[in-house]
């Protein structure tokens, strides 16, 4: 196996010159960014329209659990958890609500599920 790096690196487009940006002040950079019609910031209305999906991988890592441990503790099939984390499938509405509750109060969910057995 080669020792070459497997990490992809971003390269500047051919002929790209950063000197123009380097000489700009922060205020000038900000004004220039706002003047680009292709990359306008989100308005509050745009933000309200966007869906917020719980990021199961972030929740799991914040709890310091492996996929096996997370799936077992919260009674989620391991294959389903992996599908969610690898974006092969998106949690349905009930699963999104469940993940939100896990993220906000994992201890209560664990306790409720332990008492169930």
PDB file of N, CA and C in Angstrom:
ATOM      1  N   UNK A   1       0.848  -1.187   0.000  1.00  0.00           N
ATOM      2  CA  UNK A   1       0.000   0.000   0.000  1.00  0.00           C
ATOM      3  C   UNK A   1       0.885   1.238   0.000  1.00  0.00           C
ATOM      4  N   UNK A   2       0.492   2.220  -0.714  1.00  0.00           N
ATOM      5  CA  UNK A   2       1.252   3.451  -0.831  1.00  0.00           C
ATOM      6  C   UNK A   2       1.137   4.294   0.431  1.00  0.00           C
ATOM      7  N   UNK A   3       2.175   5.037   0.741  1.00  0.00           N
ATOM      8  CA  UNK A   3       2.144   5.948   1.884  1.00  0.00           C
ATOM      9  C   UNK A   3       1.607   7.321   1.500  1.00  0.00           C
ATOM     10  N   UNK A   4       1.176   7.461   0.284  1.00  0.00           N
ATOM     11  CA  UNK A   4       0.668   8.757  -0.177  1.00  0.00           C
ATOM     12  C   UNK A   4      -0.593   9.127   0.595  1.00  0.00           C
ATOM     13  N   UNK A   5      -0.794  10.389   0.770  1.00  0.00           N
ATOM     14  CA  UNK A   5      -1.964  10.872   1.499  1.00  0.00           C
ATOM     15  C   UNK A   5      -3.234  10.571   0.721  1.00  0.00           C
ATOM     16  N   UNK A   6      -4.260  10.154   1.452  1.00  0.00           N
ATOM     17  CA  UNK A   6      -5.546   9.900   0.807  1.00  0.00           C
ATOM     18  C   UNK A   6      -6.491  11.081   0.974  1.00  0.00           C
ATOM     19  N   UNK A   7      -6.009  12.134   1.600  1.00  0.00           N
ATOM     20  CA  UNK A   7      -6.821  13.318   1.814  1.00  0.00           C
ATOM     21  C   UNK A   7      -6.816  14.175   0.564  1.00  0.00           C
ATOM     22  N   UNK A   8      -7.998  14.570   0.141  1.00  0.00           N
ATOM     23  CA  UNK A   8      -8.087  15.466  -1.004  1.00  0.00           C
ATOM     24  C   UNK A   8      -7.773  16.878  -0.536  1.00  0.00           C
ATOM     25  N   UNK A   9      -7.035  17.593  -1.320  1.00  0.00           N
ATOM     26  CA  UNK A   9      -6.729  18.975  -0.982  1.00  0.00           C
ATOM     27  C   UNK A   9      -7.350  19.893  -2.019  1.00  0.00           C
ATOM     28  N   UNK A  10      -7.767  21.052  -1.550  1.00  0.00           N
ATOM     29  CA  UNK A  10      -8.323  22.052  -2.457  1.00  0.00           C
ATOM     30  C   UNK A  10      -7.163  22.812  -3.090  1.00  0.00           C
ATOM     31  N   UNK A  11      -7.237  22.980  -4.361  1.00  0.00           N
ATOM     32  CA  UNK A  11      -6.217  23.736  -5.061  1.00  0.00           C
ATOM     33  C   UNK A  11      -6.871  24.973  -5.665  1.00  0.00           C
ATOM     34  N   UNK A  12      -6.102  26.036  -5.718  1.00  0.00           N
ATOM     35  CA  UNK A  12      -6.605  27.259  -6.339  1.00  0.00           C
ATOM     36  C   UNK A  12      -6.781  27.014  -7.831  1.00  0.00           C
ATOM     37  N   UNK A  13      -7.794  27.644  -8.419  1.00  0.00           N
ATOM     38  CA  UNK A  13      -7.947  27.531  -9.872  1.00  0.00           C
ATOM     39  C   UNK A  13      -6.707  28.096 -10.555  1.00  0.00           C
ATOM     40  N   UNK A  14      -6.373  27.585 -11.718  1.00  0.00           N
ATOM     41  CA  UNK A  14      -5.204  28.108 -12.431  1.00  0.00           C
ATOM     42  C   UNK A  14      -5.324  29.619 -12.645  1.00  0.00           C
ATOM     43  N   UNK A  15      -4.272  30.319 -12.362  1.00  0.00           N
ATOM     44  CA  UNK A  15      -4.258  31.759 -12.569  1.00  0.00           C
ATOM     45  C   UNK A  15      -4.906  32.558 -11.446  1.00  0.00           C
ATOM     46  N   UNK A  16      -5.353  31.897 -10.379  1.00  0.00           N
ATOM     47  CA  UNK A  16      -5.994  32.623  -9.280  1.00  0.00           C
ATOM     48  C   UNK A  16      -4.944  33.406  -8.497  1.00  0.00           C
ATOM     49  N   UNK A  17      -5.244  34.651  -8.220  1.00  0.00           N
ATOM     50  CA  UNK A  17      -4.296  35.533  -7.541  1.00  0.00           C
ATOM     51  C   UNK A  17      -4.945  36.073  -6.265  1.00  0.00           C
ATOM     52  N   UNK A  18      -4.386  35.720  -5.115  1.00  0.00           N
ATOM     53  CA  UNK A  18      -4.931  36.134  -3.828  1.00  0.00           C
ATOM     54  C   UNK A  18      -4.489  37.548  -3.429  1.00  0.00           C
ATOM     55  N   UNK A  19      -3.590  38.161  -4.178  1.00  0.00           N
ATOM     56  CA  UNK A  19      -3.078  39.483  -3.781  1.00  0.00           C
ATOM     57  C   UNK A  19      -4.184  40.524  -3.678  1.00  0.00           C
ATOM     58  N   UNK A  20      -5.176  40.448  -4.547  1.00  0.00           N
ATOM     59  CA  UNK A  20      -6.282  41.413  -4.513  1.00  0.00           C
ATOM     60  C   UNK A  20      -7.019  41.322  -3.170  1.00  0.00           C
ATOM     61  N   UNK A  21      -7.248  40.114  -2.694  1.00  0.00           N
ATOM     62  CA  UNK A  21      -7.918  39.922  -1.410  1.00  0.00           C
ATOM     63  C   UNK A  21      -7.004  40.340  -0.253  1.00  0.00           C
ATOM     64  N   UNK A  22      -5.738  40.042  -0.369  1.00  0.00           N
ATOM     65  CA  UNK A  22      -4.788  40.357   0.702  1.00  0.00           C
ATOM     66  C   UNK A  22      -4.706  41.845   1.012  1.00  0.00           C
ATOM     67  N   UNK A  23      -4.909  42.691   0.015  1.00  0.00           N
ATOM     68  CA  UNK A  23      -4.774  44.131   0.240  1.00  0.00           C
ATOM     69  C   UNK A  23      -6.073  44.776   0.720  1.00  0.00           C
ATOM     70  N   UNK A  24      -7.168  44.007   0.748  1.00  0.00           N
ATOM     71  CA  UNK A  24      -8.455  44.554   1.180  1.00  0.00           C
ATOM     72  C   UNK A  24      -8.566  44.533   2.705  1.00  0.00           C
ATOM     73  N   UNK A  25      -9.276  45.514   3.235  1.00  0.00           N
ATOM     74  CA  UNK A  25      -9.575  45.518   4.667  1.00  0.00           C
ATOM     75  C   UNK A  25     -10.742  44.562   4.917  1.00  0.00           C
ATOM     76  N   UNK A  26     -11.001  44.251   6.179  1.00  0.00           N
ATOM     77  CA  UNK A  26     -12.131  43.387   6.508  1.00  0.00           C
ATOM     78  C   UNK A  26     -13.450  44.001   6.042  1.00  0.00           C
ATOM     79  N   UNK A  27     -13.587  45.313   6.183  1.00  0.00           N
ATOM     80  CA  UNK A  27     -14.807  46.000   5.758  1.00  0.00           C
ATOM     81  C   UNK A  27     -14.968  45.886   4.246  1.00  0.00           C
ATOM     82  N   UNK A  28     -13.892  46.055   3.504  1.00  0.00           N
ATOM     83  CA  UNK A  28     -13.944  45.938   2.050  1.00  0.00           C
ATOM     84  C   UNK A  28     -14.283  44.501   1.623  1.00  0.00           C
ATOM     85  N   UNK A  29     -13.709  43.541   2.306  1.00  0.00           N
ATOM     86  CA  UNK A  29     -14.012  42.139   1.992  1.00  0.00           C
ATOM     87  C   UNK A  29     -15.494  41.856   2.217  1.00  0.00           C
ATOM     88  N   UNK A  30     -16.008  42.348   3.341  1.00  0.00           N
ATOM     89  CA  UNK A  30     -17.420  42.138   3.664  1.00  0.00           C
ATOM     90  C   UNK A  30     -18.314  42.793   2.605  1.00  0.00           C
ATOM     91  N   UNK A  31     -18.005  44.015   2.238  1.00  0.00           N
ATOM     92  CA  UNK A  31     -18.792  44.724   1.224  1.00  0.00           C
ATOM     93  C   UNK A  31     -18.729  44.003  -0.115  1.00  0.00           C
ATOM     94  N   UNK A  32     -17.565  43.488  -0.457  1.00  0.00           N
ATOM     95  CA  UNK A  32     -17.408  42.761  -1.712  1.00  0.00           C
ATOM     96  C   UNK A  32     -18.240  41.479  -1.699  1.00  0.00           C
ATOM     97  N   UNK A  33     -18.234  40.786  -0.584  1.00  0.00           N
ATOM     98  CA  UNK A  33     -19.028  39.561  -0.480  1.00  0.00           C
ATOM     99  C   UNK A  33     -20.517  39.867  -0.612  1.00  0.00           C
ATOM    100  N   UNK A  34     -20.976  40.925   0.036  1.00  0.00           N
ATOM    101  CA  UNK A  34     -22.396  41.289  -0.041  1.00  0.00           C
ATOM    102  C   UNK A  34     -22.808  41.723  -1.438  1.00  0.00           C
ATOM    103  N   UNK A  35     -21.860  42.237  -2.212  1.00  0.00           N
ATOM    104  CA  UNK A  35     -22.202  42.704  -3.560  1.00  0.00           C
ATOM    105  C   UNK A  35     -22.310  41.566  -4.571  1.00  0.00           C
ATOM    106  N   UNK A  36     -21.895  40.357  -4.204  1.00  0.00           N
ATOM    107  CA  UNK A  36     -21.971  39.210  -5.115  1.00  0.00           C
ATOM    108  C   UNK A  36     -23.393  38.647  -5.080  1.00  0.00           C
ATOM    109  N   UNK A  37     -24.149  38.740  -6.175  1.00  0.00           N
ATOM    110  CA  UNK A  37     -25.545  38.290  -6.173  1.00  0.00           C
ATOM    111  C   UNK A  37     -25.698  36.771  -6.024  1.00  0.00           C
ATOM    112  N   UNK A  38     -24.642  36.018  -6.277  1.00  0.00           N
ATOM    113  CA  UNK A  38     -24.731  34.564  -6.205  1.00  0.00           C
ATOM    114  C   UNK A  38     -24.564  34.003  -4.792  1.00  0.00           C
ATOM    115  N   UNK A  39     -24.106  34.810  -3.864  1.00  0.00           N
ATOM    116  CA  UNK A  39     -23.844  34.288  -2.516  1.00  0.00           C
ATOM    117  C   UNK A  39     -24.373  35.228  -1.441  1.00  0.00           C
ATOM    118  N   UNK A  40     -25.628  35.586  -1.565  1.00  0.00           N
ATOM    119  CA  UNK A  40     -26.231  36.474  -0.574  1.00  0.00           C
ATOM    120  C   UNK A  40     -26.500  35.713   0.720  1.00  0.00           C
ATOM    121  N   UNK A  41     -26.370  36.384   1.858  1.00  0.00           N
ATOM    122  CA  UNK A  41     -26.657  35.719   3.131  1.00  0.00           C
ATOM    123  C   UNK A  41     -28.143  35.381   3.237  1.00  0.00           C
ATOM    124  N   UNK A  42     -28.440  34.397   4.082  1.00  0.00           N
ATOM    125  CA  UNK A  42     -29.834  34.014   4.284  1.00  0.00           C
ATOM    126  C   UNK A  42     -30.577  35.102   5.032  1.00  0.00           C
ATOM    127  N   UNK A  43     -31.784  35.365   4.586  1.00  0.00           N
ATOM    128  CA  UNK A  43     -32.640  36.290   5.320  1.00  0.00           C
ATOM    129  C   UNK A  43     -33.288  35.513   6.462  1.00  0.00           C
ATOM    130  N   UNK A  44     -33.837  36.203   7.463  1.00  0.00           N
ATOM    131  CA  UNK A  44     -34.550  35.482   8.521  1.00  0.00           C
ATOM    132  C   UNK A  44     -35.687  34.616   7.967  1.00  0.00           C
ATOM    133  N   UNK A  45     -36.358  35.087   6.912  1.00  0.00           N
ATOM    134  CA  UNK A  45     -37.441  34.306   6.302  1.00  0.00           C
ATOM    135  C   UNK A  45     -36.892  33.027   5.662  1.00  0.00           C
ATOM    136  N   UNK A  46     -35.724  33.144   4.997  1.00  0.00           N
ATOM    137  CA  UNK A  46     -35.095  31.955   4.407  1.00  0.00           C
ATOM    138  C   UNK A  46     -34.740  30.949   5.488  1.00  0.00           C
ATOM    139  N   UNK A  47     -34.184  31.425   6.579  1.00  0.00           N
ATOM    140  CA  UNK A  47     -33.789  30.542   7.676  1.00  0.00           C
ATOM    141  C   UNK A  47     -34.999  29.829   8.274  1.00  0.00           C
ATOM    142  N   UNK A  48     -36.117  30.515   8.364  1.00  0.00           N
ATOM    143  CA  UNK A  48     -37.329  29.918   8.921  1.00  0.00           C
ATOM    144  C   UNK A  48     -37.878  28.807   8.018  1.00  0.00           C
ATOM    145  N   UNK A  49     -37.692  28.947   6.694  1.00  0.00           N
ATOM    146  CA  UNK A  49     -38.186  27.959   5.747  1.00  0.00           C
ATOM    147  C   UNK A  49     -37.352  26.679   5.734  1.00  0.00           C
ATOM    148  N   UNK A  50     -36.103  26.787   6.156  1.00  0.00           N
ATOM    149  CA  UNK A  50     -35.196  25.647   6.076  1.00  0.00           C
ATOM    150  C   UNK A  50     -35.519  24.613   7.148  1.00  0.00           C
ATOM    151  N   UNK A  51     -35.377  23.349   6.785  1.00  0.00           N
ATOM    152  CA  UNK A  51     -35.610  22.262   7.723  1.00  0.00           C
ATOM    153  C   UNK A  51     -34.378  22.091   8.606  1.00  0.00           C
ATOM    154  N   UNK A  52     -34.621  21.868   9.876  1.00  0.00           N
ATOM    155  CA  UNK A  52     -33.528  21.531  10.785  1.00  0.00           C
ATOM    156  C   UNK A  52     -33.633  20.043  11.077  1.00  0.00           C
ATOM    157  N   UNK A  53     -32.643  19.304  10.623  1.00  0.00           N
ATOM    158  CA  UNK A  53     -32.627  17.869  10.843  1.00  0.00           C
ATOM    159  C   UNK A  53     -31.588  17.558  11.908  1.00  0.00           C
ATOM    160  N   UNK A  54     -31.976  16.808  12.946  1.00  0.00           N
ATOM    161  CA  UNK A  54     -30.984  16.434  13.952  1.00  0.00           C
ATOM    162  C   UNK A  54     -29.853  15.630  13.305  1.00  0.00           C
ATOM    163  N   UNK A  55     -28.639  15.959  13.622  1.00  0.00           N
ATOM    164  CA  UNK A  55     -27.486  15.265  13.078  1.00  0.00           C
ATOM    165  C   UNK A  55     -27.114  14.130  14.029  1.00  0.00           C
ATOM    166  N   UNK A  56     -27.544  12.925  13.699  1.00  0.00           N
ATOM    167  CA  UNK A  56     -27.387  11.793  14.603  1.00  0.00           C
ATOM    168  C   UNK A  56     -25.918  11.513  14.918  1.00  0.00           C
ATOM    169  N   UNK A  57     -25.047  11.695  13.963  1.00  0.00           N
ATOM    170  CA  UNK A  57     -23.624  11.433  14.209  1.00  0.00           C
ATOM    171  C   UNK A  57     -23.063  12.419  15.235  1.00  0.00           C
ATOM    172  N   UNK A  58     -23.480  13.669  15.142  1.00  0.00           N
ATOM    173  CA  UNK A  58     -23.021  14.678  16.097  1.00  0.00           C
ATOM    174  C   UNK A  58     -23.566  14.372  17.484  1.00  0.00           C
ATOM    175  N   UNK A  59     -24.833  13.973  17.568  1.00  0.00           N
ATOM    176  CA  UNK A  59     -25.434  13.618  18.856  1.00  0.00           C
ATOM    177  C   UNK A  59     -24.683  12.435  19.462  1.00  0.00           C
ATOM    178  N   UNK A  60     -24.451  11.407  18.658  1.00  0.00           N
ATOM    179  CA  UNK A  60     -23.775  10.202  19.137  1.00  0.00           C
ATOM    180  C   UNK A  60     -22.364  10.513  19.627  1.00  0.00           C
ATOM    181  N   UNK A  61     -21.633  11.290  18.852  1.00  0.00           N
ATOM    182  CA  UNK A  61     -20.260  11.635  19.247  1.00  0.00           C
ATOM    183  C   UNK A  61     -20.240  12.511  20.497  1.00  0.00           C
ATOM    184  N   UNK A  62     -21.197  13.424  20.616  1.00  0.00           N
ATOM    185  CA  UNK A  62     -21.271  14.282  21.807  1.00  0.00           C
ATOM    186  C   UNK A  62     -21.506  13.446  23.057  1.00  0.00           C
ATOM    187  N   UNK A  63     -22.213  12.337  22.906  1.00  0.00           N
ATOM    188  CA  UNK A  63     -22.460  11.443  24.035  1.00  0.00           C
ATOM    189  C   UNK A  63     -21.302  10.478  24.265  1.00  0.00           C
ATOM    190  N   UNK A  64     -20.337  10.480  23.345  1.00  0.00           N
ATOM    191  CA  UNK A  64     -19.166   9.614  23.481  1.00  0.00           C
ATOM    192  C   UNK A  64     -19.488   8.140  23.290  1.00  0.00           C
ATOM    193  N   UNK A  65     -20.449   7.849  22.423  1.00  0.00           N
ATOM    194  CA  UNK A  65     -20.882   6.471  22.206  1.00  0.00           C
ATOM    195  C   UNK A  65     -20.484   5.969  20.828  1.00  0.00           C
ATOM    196  N   UNK A  66     -20.164   4.692  20.754  1.00  0.00           N
ATOM    197  CA  UNK A  66     -19.949   4.054  19.456  1.00  0.00           C
ATOM    198  C   UNK A  66     -21.313   3.868  18.791  1.00  0.00           C
ATOM    199  N   UNK A  67     -21.294   3.521  17.514  1.00  0.00           N
ATOM    200  CA  UNK A  67     -22.559   3.258  16.834  1.00  0.00           C
ATOM    201  C   UNK A  67     -23.303   2.109  17.517  1.00  0.00           C
ATOM    202  N   UNK A  68     -22.581   1.059  17.871  1.00  0.00           N
ATOM    203  CA  UNK A  68     -23.210  -0.088  18.533  1.00  0.00           C
ATOM    204  C   UNK A  68     -23.849   0.319  19.855  1.00  0.00           C
ATOM    205  N   UNK A  69     -23.105   1.089  20.662  1.00  0.00           N
ATOM    206  CA  UNK A  69     -23.616   1.498  21.975  1.00  0.00           C
ATOM    207  C   UNK A  69     -24.827   2.423  21.847  1.00  0.00           C
ATOM    208  N   UNK A  70     -24.749   3.387  20.923  1.00  0.00           N
ATOM    209  CA  UNK A  70     -25.853   4.326  20.720  1.00  0.00           C
ATOM    210  C   UNK A  70     -27.109   3.572  20.274  1.00  0.00           C
ATOM    211  N   UNK A  71     -26.938   2.693  19.286  1.00  0.00           N
ATOM    212  CA  UNK A  71     -28.069   1.932  18.755  1.00  0.00           C
ATOM    213  C   UNK A  71     -28.696   1.070  19.848  1.00  0.00           C
ATOM    214  N   UNK A  72     -27.860   0.442  20.644  1.00  0.00           N
ATOM    215  CA  UNK A  72     -28.362  -0.421  21.709  1.00  0.00           C
ATOM    216  C   UNK A  72     -29.069   0.384  22.799  1.00  0.00           C
ATOM    217  N   UNK A  73     -28.436   1.466  23.240  1.00  0.00           N
ATOM    218  CA  UNK A  73     -28.999   2.262  24.332  1.00  0.00           C
ATOM    219  C   UNK A  73     -30.350   2.871  23.975  1.00  0.00           C
ATOM    220  N   UNK A  74     -30.489   3.318  22.728  1.00  0.00           N
ATOM    221  CA  UNK A  74     -31.707   4.022  22.341  1.00  0.00           C
ATOM    222  C   UNK A  74     -32.641   3.188  21.459  1.00  0.00           C
ATOM    223  N   UNK A  75     -32.384   1.879  21.378  1.00  0.00           N
ATOM    224  CA  UNK A  75     -33.252   0.930  20.670  1.00  0.00           C
ATOM    225  C   UNK A  75     -33.465   1.319  19.208  1.00  0.00           C
ATOM    226  N   UNK A  76     -32.375   1.660  18.547  1.00  0.00           N
ATOM    227  CA  UNK A  76     -32.408   1.988  17.120  1.00  0.00           C
ATOM    228  C   UNK A  76     -31.661   0.877  16.390  1.00  0.00           C
ATOM    229  N   UNK A  77     -32.242   0.273  15.370  1.00  0.00           N
ATOM    230  CA  UNK A  77     -31.507  -0.753  14.629  1.00  0.00           C
ATOM    231  C   UNK A  77     -30.183  -0.184  14.103  1.00  0.00           C
ATOM    232  N   UNK A  78     -29.119  -0.961  14.273  1.00  0.00           N
ATOM    233  CA  UNK A  78     -27.783  -0.495  13.891  1.00  0.00           C
ATOM    234  C   UNK A  78     -27.712  -0.113  12.415  1.00  0.00           C
ATOM    235  N   UNK A  79     -28.334  -0.891  11.555  1.00  0.00           N
ATOM    236  CA  UNK A  79     -28.336  -0.575  10.119  1.00  0.00           C
ATOM    237  C   UNK A  79     -29.022   0.743   9.823  1.00  0.00           C
ATOM    238  N   UNK A  80     -30.096   1.022  10.553  1.00  0.00           N
ATOM    239  CA  UNK A  80     -30.812   2.291  10.388  1.00  0.00           C
ATOM    240  C   UNK A  80     -29.926   3.453  10.809  1.00  0.00           C
ATOM    241  N   UNK A  81     -29.264   3.298  11.952  1.00  0.00           N
ATOM    242  CA  UNK A  81     -28.360   4.342  12.433  1.00  0.00           C
ATOM    243  C   UNK A  81     -27.265   4.623  11.413  1.00  0.00           C
ATOM    244  N   UNK A  82     -26.686   3.573  10.878  1.00  0.00           N
ATOM    245  CA  UNK A  82     -25.619   3.748   9.871  1.00  0.00           C
ATOM    246  C   UNK A  82     -26.153   4.428   8.614  1.00  0.00           C
ATOM    247  N   UNK A  83     -27.351   4.052   8.196  1.00  0.00           N
ATOM    248  CA  UNK A  83     -27.955   4.701   7.026  1.00  0.00           C
ATOM    249  C   UNK A  83     -28.140   6.196   7.267  1.00  0.00           C
ATOM    250  N   UNK A  84     -28.599   6.566   8.462  1.00  0.00           N
ATOM    251  CA  UNK A  84     -28.777   7.981   8.786  1.00  0.00           C
ATOM    252  C   UNK A  84     -27.441   8.708   8.785  1.00  0.00           C
ATOM    253  N   UNK A  85     -26.451   8.114   9.439  1.00  0.00           N
ATOM    254  CA  UNK A  85     -25.150   8.783   9.544  1.00  0.00           C
ATOM    255  C   UNK A  85     -24.472   8.937   8.194  1.00  0.00           C
ATOM    256  N   UNK A  86     -24.672   8.000   7.313  1.00  0.00           N
ATOM    257  CA  UNK A  86     -24.022   8.052   6.008  1.00  0.00           C
ATOM    258  C   UNK A  86     -24.913   8.679   4.944  1.00  0.00           C
ATOM    259  N   UNK A  87     -26.018   9.282   5.397  1.00  0.00           N
ATOM    260  CA  UNK A  87     -26.950  10.022   4.533  1.00  0.00           C
ATOM    261  C   UNK A  87     -27.532   9.173   3.411  1.00  0.00           C
ATOM    262  N   UNK A  88     -27.608   7.864   3.635  1.00  0.00           N
ATOM    263  CA  UNK A  88     -28.291   7.016   2.648  1.00  0.00           C
ATOM    264  C   UNK A  88     -29.793   7.143   2.811  1.00  0.00           C
ATOM    265  N   UNK A  89     -30.222   7.412   4.049  1.00  0.00           N
ATOM    266  CA  UNK A  89     -31.637   7.620   4.339  1.00  0.00           C
ATOM    267  C   UNK A  89     -31.756   8.761   5.330  1.00  0.00           C
ATOM    268  N   UNK A  90     -32.910   9.402   5.321  1.00  0.00           N
ATOM    269  CA  UNK A  90     -33.174  10.493   6.257  1.00  0.00           C
ATOM    270  C   UNK A  90     -34.211  10.018   7.272  1.00  0.00           C
ATOM    271  N   UNK A  91     -34.012  10.345   8.554  1.00  0.00           N
ATOM    272  CA  UNK A  91     -35.012   9.941   9.551  1.00  0.00           C
ATOM    273  C   UNK A  91     -36.389  10.519   9.214  1.00  0.00           C
ATOM    274  N   UNK A  92     -37.449   9.734   9.479  1.00  0.00           N
ATOM    275  CA  UNK A  92     -38.797  10.255   9.268  1.00  0.00           C
ATOM    276  C   UNK A  92     -39.139  11.222  10.405  1.00  0.00           C
ATOM    277  N   UNK A  93     -40.325  11.786  10.379  1.00  0.00           N
ATOM    278  CA  UNK A  93     -40.704  12.817  11.351  1.00  0.00           C
ATOM    279  C   UNK A  93     -40.637  12.315  12.787  1.00  0.00           C
ATOM    280  N   UNK A  94     -41.097  11.097  13.021  1.00  0.00           N
ATOM    281  CA  UNK A  94     -41.067  10.547  14.381  1.00  0.00           C
ATOM    282  C   UNK A  94     -39.626  10.338  14.843  1.00  0.00           C
ATOM    283  N   UNK A  95     -38.783   9.826  13.959  1.00  0.00           N
ATOM    284  CA  UNK A  95     -37.380   9.603  14.306  1.00  0.00           C
ATOM    285  C   UNK A  95     -36.665  10.929  14.563  1.00  0.00           C
ATOM    286  N   UNK A  96     -36.990  11.960  13.777  1.00  0.00           N
ATOM    287  CA  UNK A  96     -36.393  13.280  14.007  1.00  0.00           C
ATOM    288  C   UNK A  96     -36.772  13.803  15.387  1.00  0.00           C
ATOM    289  N   UNK A  97     -38.040  13.630  15.761  1.00  0.00           N
ATOM    290  CA  UNK A  97     -38.485  14.063  17.084  1.00  0.00           C
ATOM    291  C   UNK A  97     -37.757  13.274  18.163  1.00  0.00           C
ATOM    292  N   UNK A  98     -37.610  11.960  17.970  1.00  0.00           N
ATOM    293  CA  UNK A  98     -36.910  11.110  18.930  1.00  0.00           C
ATOM    294  C   UNK A  98     -35.450  11.547  19.073  1.00  0.00           C
ATOM    295  N   UNK A  99     -34.778  11.828  17.966  1.00  0.00           N
ATOM    296  CA  UNK A  99     -33.389  12.280  18.014  1.00  0.00           C
ATOM    297  C   UNK A  99     -33.263  13.621  18.721  1.00  0.00           C
ATOM    298  N   UNK A 100     -34.243  14.494  18.535  1.00  0.00           N
ATOM    299  CA  UNK A 100     -34.229  15.787  19.227  1.00  0.00           C
ATOM    300  C   UNK A 100     -34.316  15.577  20.733  1.00  0.00           C
ATOM    301  N   UNK A 101     -35.179  14.669  21.161  1.00  0.00           N
ATOM    302  CA  UNK A 101     -35.313  14.382  22.596  1.00  0.00           C
ATOM    303  C   UNK A 101     -34.027  13.755  23.127  1.00  0.00           C
ATOM    304  N   UNK A 102     -33.427  12.841  22.376  1.00  0.00           N
ATOM    305  CA  UNK A 102     -32.149  12.245  22.787  1.00  0.00           C
ATOM    306  C   UNK A 102     -31.094  13.321  22.937  1.00  0.00           C
ATOM    307  N   UNK A 103     -31.030  14.246  21.985  1.00  0.00           N
ATOM    308  CA  UNK A 103     -30.025  15.308  22.033  1.00  0.00           C
ATOM    309  C   UNK A 103     -30.212  16.213  23.248  1.00  0.00           C
ATOM    310  N   UNK A 104     -31.453  16.490  23.597  1.00  0.00           N
ATOM    311  CA  UNK A 104     -31.728  17.424  24.704  1.00  0.00           C
ATOM    312  C   UNK A 104     -31.683  16.776  26.078  1.00  0.00           C
ATOM    313  N   UNK A 105     -32.078  15.495  26.166  1.00  0.00           N
ATOM    314  CA  UNK A 105     -32.110  14.855  27.481  1.00  0.00           C
ATOM    315  C   UNK A 105     -31.856  13.350  27.345  1.00  0.00           C
ATOM    316  N   UNK A 106     -30.619  12.969  27.007  1.00  0.00           N
ATOM    317  CA  UNK A 106     -30.332  11.549  26.780  1.00  0.00           C
ATOM    318  C   UNK A 106     -30.525  10.686  28.025  1.00  0.00           C
ATOM    319  N   UNK A 107     -30.272  11.258  29.187  1.00  0.00           N
ATOM    320  CA  UNK A 107     -30.433  10.491  30.420  1.00  0.00           C
ATOM    321  C   UNK A 107     -31.866  10.066  30.655  1.00  0.00           C
ATOM    322  N   UNK A 108     -32.795  10.975  30.411  1.00  0.00           N
ATOM    323  CA  UNK A 108     -34.215  10.662  30.596  1.00  0.00           C
ATOM    324  C   UNK A 108     -34.664   9.587  29.613  1.00  0.00           C
ATOM    325  N   UNK A 109     -34.178   9.659  28.380  1.00  0.00           N
ATOM    326  CA  UNK A 109     -34.552   8.654  27.387  1.00  0.00           C
ATOM    327  C   UNK A 109     -34.001   7.295  27.799  1.00  0.00           C
ATOM    328  N   UNK A 110     -32.731   7.257  28.210  1.00  0.00           N
ATOM    329  CA  UNK A 110     -32.130   5.993  28.658  1.00  0.00           C
ATOM    330  C   UNK A 110     -32.898   5.414  29.833  1.00  0.00           C
ATOM    331  N   UNK A 111     -33.228   6.266  30.785  1.00  0.00           N
ATOM    332  CA  UNK A 111     -33.962   5.815  31.970  1.00  0.00           C
ATOM    333  C   UNK A 111     -35.333   5.265  31.592  1.00  0.00           C
ATOM    334  N   UNK A 112     -36.033   5.977  30.727  1.00  0.00           N
ATOM    335  CA  UNK A 112     -37.359   5.520  30.307  1.00  0.00           C
ATOM    336  C   UNK A 112     -37.281   4.192  29.590  1.00  0.00           C
ATOM    337  N   UNK A 113     -36.272   4.000  28.768  1.00  0.00           N
ATOM    338  CA  UNK A 113     -36.149   2.761  28.030  1.00  0.00           C
ATOM    339  C   UNK A 113     -35.699   1.602  28.918  1.00  0.00           C
ATOM    340  N   UNK A 114     -34.900   1.874  29.949  1.00  0.00           N
ATOM    341  CA  UNK A 114     -34.481   0.819  30.879  1.00  0.00           C
ATOM    342  C   UNK A 114     -35.659   0.315  31.690  1.00  0.00           C
ATOM    343  N   UNK A 115     -36.530   1.207  32.109  1.00  0.00           N
ATOM    344  CA  UNK A 115     -37.695   0.822  32.899  1.00  0.00           C
ATOM    345  C   UNK A 115     -38.703   0.011  32.085  1.00  0.00           C
ATOM    346  N   UNK A 116     -38.570   0.119  30.750  1.00  0.00           N
ATOM    347  CA  UNK A 116     -39.488  -0.553  29.838  1.00  0.00           C
ATOM    348  C   UNK A 116     -39.239  -2.056  29.784  1.00  0.00           C
ATOM    349  N   UNK A 117     -38.013  -2.474  30.017  1.00  0.00           N
ATOM    350  CA  UNK A 117     -37.631  -3.889  29.858  1.00  0.00           C
ATOM    351  C   UNK A 117     -38.085  -4.716  30.972  1.00  0.00           C
TER     352      UNK A 117
END
